[in-house]
N, C-alpha and C. Protein backbone atom coordinates (compact mmCIF):
# COMPACT_ATOMS: atom_id res chain seq x y z
N UNK A 1 3.18 9.30 -2.36
CA UNK A 1 2.48 10.18 -1.45
C UNK A 1 1.79 11.27 -2.26
N UNK A 2 0.57 11.60 -1.87
CA UNK A 2 -0.20 12.67 -2.49
C UNK A 2 -0.39 13.75 -1.43
N UNK A 3 -0.19 15.00 -1.81
CA UNK A 3 -0.39 16.12 -0.90
C UNK A 3 -1.54 16.98 -1.37
N UNK A 4 -2.36 17.42 -0.44
CA UNK A 4 -3.36 18.45 -0.72
C UNK A 4 -2.80 19.73 -0.12
N UNK A 5 -2.62 20.76 -0.98
CA UNK A 5 -1.96 21.99 -0.57
C UNK A 5 -2.90 23.17 -0.77
N UNK A 6 -2.94 24.06 0.21
CA UNK A 6 -3.70 25.31 0.08
C UNK A 6 -2.98 26.20 -0.92
N UNK A 7 -3.65 26.54 -2.02
CA UNK A 7 -3.01 27.31 -3.09
C UNK A 7 -2.65 28.72 -2.64
N UNK A 8 -3.32 29.25 -1.64
CA UNK A 8 -3.05 30.60 -1.18
C UNK A 8 -1.87 30.66 -0.21
N UNK A 9 -1.87 29.75 0.75
CA UNK A 9 -0.85 29.81 1.80
C UNK A 9 0.32 28.85 1.59
N UNK A 10 0.11 27.83 0.76
CA UNK A 10 1.14 26.82 0.57
C UNK A 10 1.17 25.78 1.68
N UNK A 11 0.23 25.86 2.61
CA UNK A 11 0.17 24.91 3.72
C UNK A 11 -0.32 23.55 3.23
N UNK A 12 0.29 22.50 3.75
CA UNK A 12 -0.16 21.14 3.44
C UNK A 12 -1.40 20.85 4.28
N UNK A 13 -2.52 20.58 3.61
CA UNK A 13 -3.78 20.33 4.29
C UNK A 13 -3.99 18.85 4.59
N UNK A 14 -3.43 18.00 3.73
CA UNK A 14 -3.63 16.57 3.90
C UNK A 14 -2.51 15.81 3.20
N UNK A 15 -2.12 14.71 3.79
CA UNK A 15 -1.14 13.81 3.19
C UNK A 15 -1.81 12.46 3.00
N UNK A 16 -1.69 11.92 1.81
CA UNK A 16 -2.28 10.62 1.49
C UNK A 16 -1.16 9.66 1.11
N UNK A 17 -0.99 8.63 1.90
CA UNK A 17 0.05 7.64 1.63
C UNK A 17 -0.46 6.65 0.58
N UNK A 18 0.34 6.42 -0.43
CA UNK A 18 0.04 5.44 -1.47
C UNK A 18 1.06 4.31 -1.32
N UNK A 19 0.62 3.05 -1.29
CA UNK A 19 1.56 1.94 -1.06
C UNK A 19 2.37 1.56 -2.31
N UNK A 20 3.08 2.53 -2.84
CA UNK A 20 3.94 2.31 -4.00
C UNK A 20 5.14 3.23 -3.89
N UNK A 21 6.23 2.86 -4.51
CA UNK A 21 7.47 3.62 -4.44
C UNK A 21 7.44 4.87 -5.31
N UNK A 22 6.78 4.79 -6.46
CA UNK A 22 6.78 5.90 -7.41
C UNK A 22 5.35 6.24 -7.82
N UNK A 23 4.83 7.37 -7.36
CA UNK A 23 3.53 7.87 -7.80
C UNK A 23 3.77 8.67 -9.07
N UNK A 24 3.00 8.37 -10.13
CA UNK A 24 3.23 9.03 -11.41
C UNK A 24 2.19 10.08 -11.77
N UNK A 25 0.93 9.88 -11.38
CA UNK A 25 -0.11 10.84 -11.76
C UNK A 25 -1.32 10.65 -10.84
N UNK A 26 -2.03 11.75 -10.61
CA UNK A 26 -3.28 11.69 -9.84
C UNK A 26 -4.32 12.51 -10.59
N UNK A 27 -5.53 11.97 -10.70
CA UNK A 27 -6.60 12.67 -11.42
C UNK A 27 -7.94 12.30 -10.77
N UNK A 28 -8.85 13.27 -10.72
CA UNK A 28 -10.18 13.00 -10.20
C UNK A 28 -11.05 12.42 -11.31
N UNK A 29 -11.93 11.50 -10.93
CA UNK A 29 -12.84 10.88 -11.88
C UNK A 29 -14.11 10.46 -11.17
N UNK A 30 -14.89 9.65 -11.84
CA UNK A 30 -16.18 9.23 -11.31
C UNK A 30 -17.26 10.22 -11.74
N UNK A 31 -18.50 9.82 -11.59
CA UNK A 31 -19.63 10.65 -12.03
C UNK A 31 -19.64 12.02 -11.36
N UNK A 32 -19.23 12.09 -10.11
CA UNK A 32 -19.23 13.35 -9.36
C UNK A 32 -17.83 13.91 -9.15
N UNK A 33 -16.84 13.36 -9.85
CA UNK A 33 -15.44 13.78 -9.71
C UNK A 33 -14.97 13.71 -8.26
N UNK A 34 -15.48 12.71 -7.52
CA UNK A 34 -15.10 12.57 -6.12
C UNK A 34 -14.26 11.32 -5.85
N UNK A 35 -13.76 10.72 -6.92
CA UNK A 35 -12.85 9.58 -6.81
C UNK A 35 -11.49 10.01 -7.33
N UNK A 36 -10.45 9.69 -6.59
CA UNK A 36 -9.10 10.04 -7.00
C UNK A 36 -8.42 8.79 -7.54
N UNK A 37 -7.97 8.87 -8.79
CA UNK A 37 -7.24 7.77 -9.41
C UNK A 37 -5.75 8.11 -9.40
N UNK A 38 -4.95 7.20 -8.89
CA UNK A 38 -3.52 7.43 -8.74
C UNK A 38 -2.77 6.31 -9.46
N UNK A 39 -1.95 6.69 -10.44
CA UNK A 39 -1.13 5.69 -11.13
C UNK A 39 0.26 5.68 -10.50
N UNK A 40 0.89 4.52 -10.58
CA UNK A 40 2.22 4.35 -10.01
C UNK A 40 3.09 3.58 -11.00
N UNK A 41 4.38 3.57 -10.74
CA UNK A 41 5.32 2.84 -11.59
C UNK A 41 6.24 2.00 -10.72
N UNK A 42 6.79 0.96 -11.33
CA UNK A 42 7.80 0.17 -10.64
C UNK A 42 9.04 -0.02 -11.52
N UNK A 43 9.12 0.73 -12.60
CA UNK A 43 10.27 0.62 -13.50
C UNK A 43 11.54 1.02 -12.75
N UNK A 44 12.57 0.28 -12.95
CA UNK A 44 13.88 0.49 -12.32
C UNK A 44 13.86 0.31 -10.80
N UNK A 45 12.82 -0.28 -10.26
CA UNK A 45 12.83 -0.61 -8.83
C UNK A 45 13.80 -1.76 -8.60
N UNK A 46 14.50 -1.69 -7.51
CA UNK A 46 15.40 -2.79 -7.13
C UNK A 46 14.55 -3.94 -6.59
N UNK A 47 15.12 -5.13 -6.50
CA UNK A 47 14.37 -6.24 -5.90
C UNK A 47 13.91 -5.92 -4.47
N UNK A 48 14.72 -5.17 -3.73
CA UNK A 48 14.33 -4.78 -2.37
C UNK A 48 13.11 -3.86 -2.40
N UNK A 49 13.10 -2.89 -3.34
CA UNK A 49 11.97 -1.97 -3.45
C UNK A 49 10.71 -2.72 -3.88
N UNK A 50 10.85 -3.66 -4.80
CA UNK A 50 9.69 -4.44 -5.24
C UNK A 50 9.14 -5.29 -4.09
N UNK A 51 10.03 -5.75 -3.23
CA UNK A 51 9.58 -6.50 -2.06
C UNK A 51 8.85 -5.61 -1.07
N UNK A 52 9.32 -4.38 -0.91
CA UNK A 52 8.71 -3.44 0.04
C UNK A 52 7.43 -2.83 -0.51
N UNK A 53 7.38 -2.64 -1.85
CA UNK A 53 6.22 -2.02 -2.50
C UNK A 53 5.71 -2.93 -3.62
N UNK A 54 5.11 -4.08 -3.27
CA UNK A 54 4.68 -5.02 -4.31
C UNK A 54 3.54 -4.50 -5.19
N UNK A 55 2.87 -3.44 -4.78
CA UNK A 55 1.77 -2.88 -5.57
C UNK A 55 2.23 -1.80 -6.54
N UNK A 56 3.52 -1.53 -6.59
CA UNK A 56 4.03 -0.56 -7.55
C UNK A 56 3.68 -0.97 -8.97
N UNK A 57 3.34 -0.01 -9.81
CA UNK A 57 2.94 -0.30 -11.18
C UNK A 57 1.45 -0.46 -11.35
N UNK A 58 0.69 -0.29 -10.29
CA UNK A 58 -0.76 -0.43 -10.39
C UNK A 58 -1.44 0.93 -10.30
N UNK A 59 -2.74 0.93 -10.54
CA UNK A 59 -3.56 2.13 -10.41
C UNK A 59 -4.46 1.97 -9.20
N UNK A 60 -4.53 3.00 -8.37
CA UNK A 60 -5.34 2.98 -7.16
C UNK A 60 -6.54 3.91 -7.33
N UNK A 61 -7.67 3.51 -6.77
CA UNK A 61 -8.85 4.38 -6.71
C UNK A 61 -9.09 4.69 -5.24
N UNK A 62 -9.09 5.98 -4.93
CA UNK A 62 -9.27 6.43 -3.54
C UNK A 62 -10.62 7.13 -3.44
N UNK A 63 -11.44 6.69 -2.50
CA UNK A 63 -12.76 7.29 -2.30
C UNK A 63 -12.87 7.80 -0.87
N UNK A 64 -13.92 8.58 -0.62
CA UNK A 64 -14.18 9.06 0.73
C UNK A 64 -13.29 10.19 1.19
N UNK A 65 -12.71 10.93 0.24
CA UNK A 65 -11.81 12.02 0.62
C UNK A 65 -12.54 13.29 1.04
N UNK A 66 -13.80 13.44 0.65
CA UNK A 66 -14.54 14.64 1.01
C UNK A 66 -14.21 15.85 0.16
N UNK A 67 -13.55 15.63 -0.96
CA UNK A 67 -13.23 16.71 -1.91
C UNK A 67 -13.59 16.24 -3.31
N UNK A 68 -13.75 17.20 -4.21
CA UNK A 68 -14.08 16.89 -5.60
C UNK A 68 -13.09 17.57 -6.52
N UNK A 69 -12.93 16.99 -7.69
CA UNK A 69 -12.09 17.58 -8.71
C UNK A 69 -12.84 18.62 -9.51
N UNK A 70 -12.14 19.23 -10.44
CA UNK A 70 -12.69 20.27 -11.30
C UNK A 70 -12.81 19.70 -12.70
N UNK A 71 -13.97 19.84 -13.31
CA UNK A 71 -14.21 19.25 -14.63
C UNK A 71 -13.41 19.92 -15.73
N UNK A 72 -12.99 21.14 -15.51
CA UNK A 72 -12.22 21.85 -16.53
C UNK A 72 -13.12 22.61 -17.49
N UNK A 73 -12.51 23.29 -18.40
CA UNK A 73 -13.24 24.07 -19.40
C UNK A 73 -13.03 23.45 -20.76
N UNK A 74 -14.06 23.54 -21.61
CA UNK A 74 -13.95 23.05 -22.97
C UNK A 74 -13.18 24.07 -23.80
N UNK A 75 -12.43 23.57 -24.74
CA UNK A 75 -11.66 24.46 -25.62
C UNK A 75 -11.78 23.96 -27.05
N UNK A 76 -11.79 24.90 -27.98
CA UNK A 76 -11.77 24.57 -29.40
C UNK A 76 -10.42 25.01 -29.93
N UNK A 77 -9.69 24.07 -30.49
CA UNK A 77 -8.36 24.36 -31.00
C UNK A 77 -8.37 24.37 -32.52
N UNK A 78 -7.79 25.38 -33.11
CA UNK A 78 -7.61 25.44 -34.56
C UNK A 78 -6.18 25.00 -34.84
N UNK A 79 -6.04 23.80 -35.34
CA UNK A 79 -4.71 23.22 -35.55
C UNK A 79 -4.16 23.47 -36.94
N UNK A 80 -4.83 24.28 -37.73
CA UNK A 80 -4.33 24.57 -39.08
C UNK A 80 -3.48 25.80 -39.09
């Protein structure tokens, strides 16, 4: 499950169901940062869980959410 939360109030604005038992990461991508990529895992799933969530361990692309991600800021790191 993915939640969209208002950073000011903490209110849940949207719930997105993902057909997998374990969601591992979500990131915006695409040319306009309007596609949400969601990775999942199925490690240590029981046979019953694998039967209920056969798509576990795959990556999902979600479109049409009406929101965009943030490209971030560039940084220069001095590693010496």
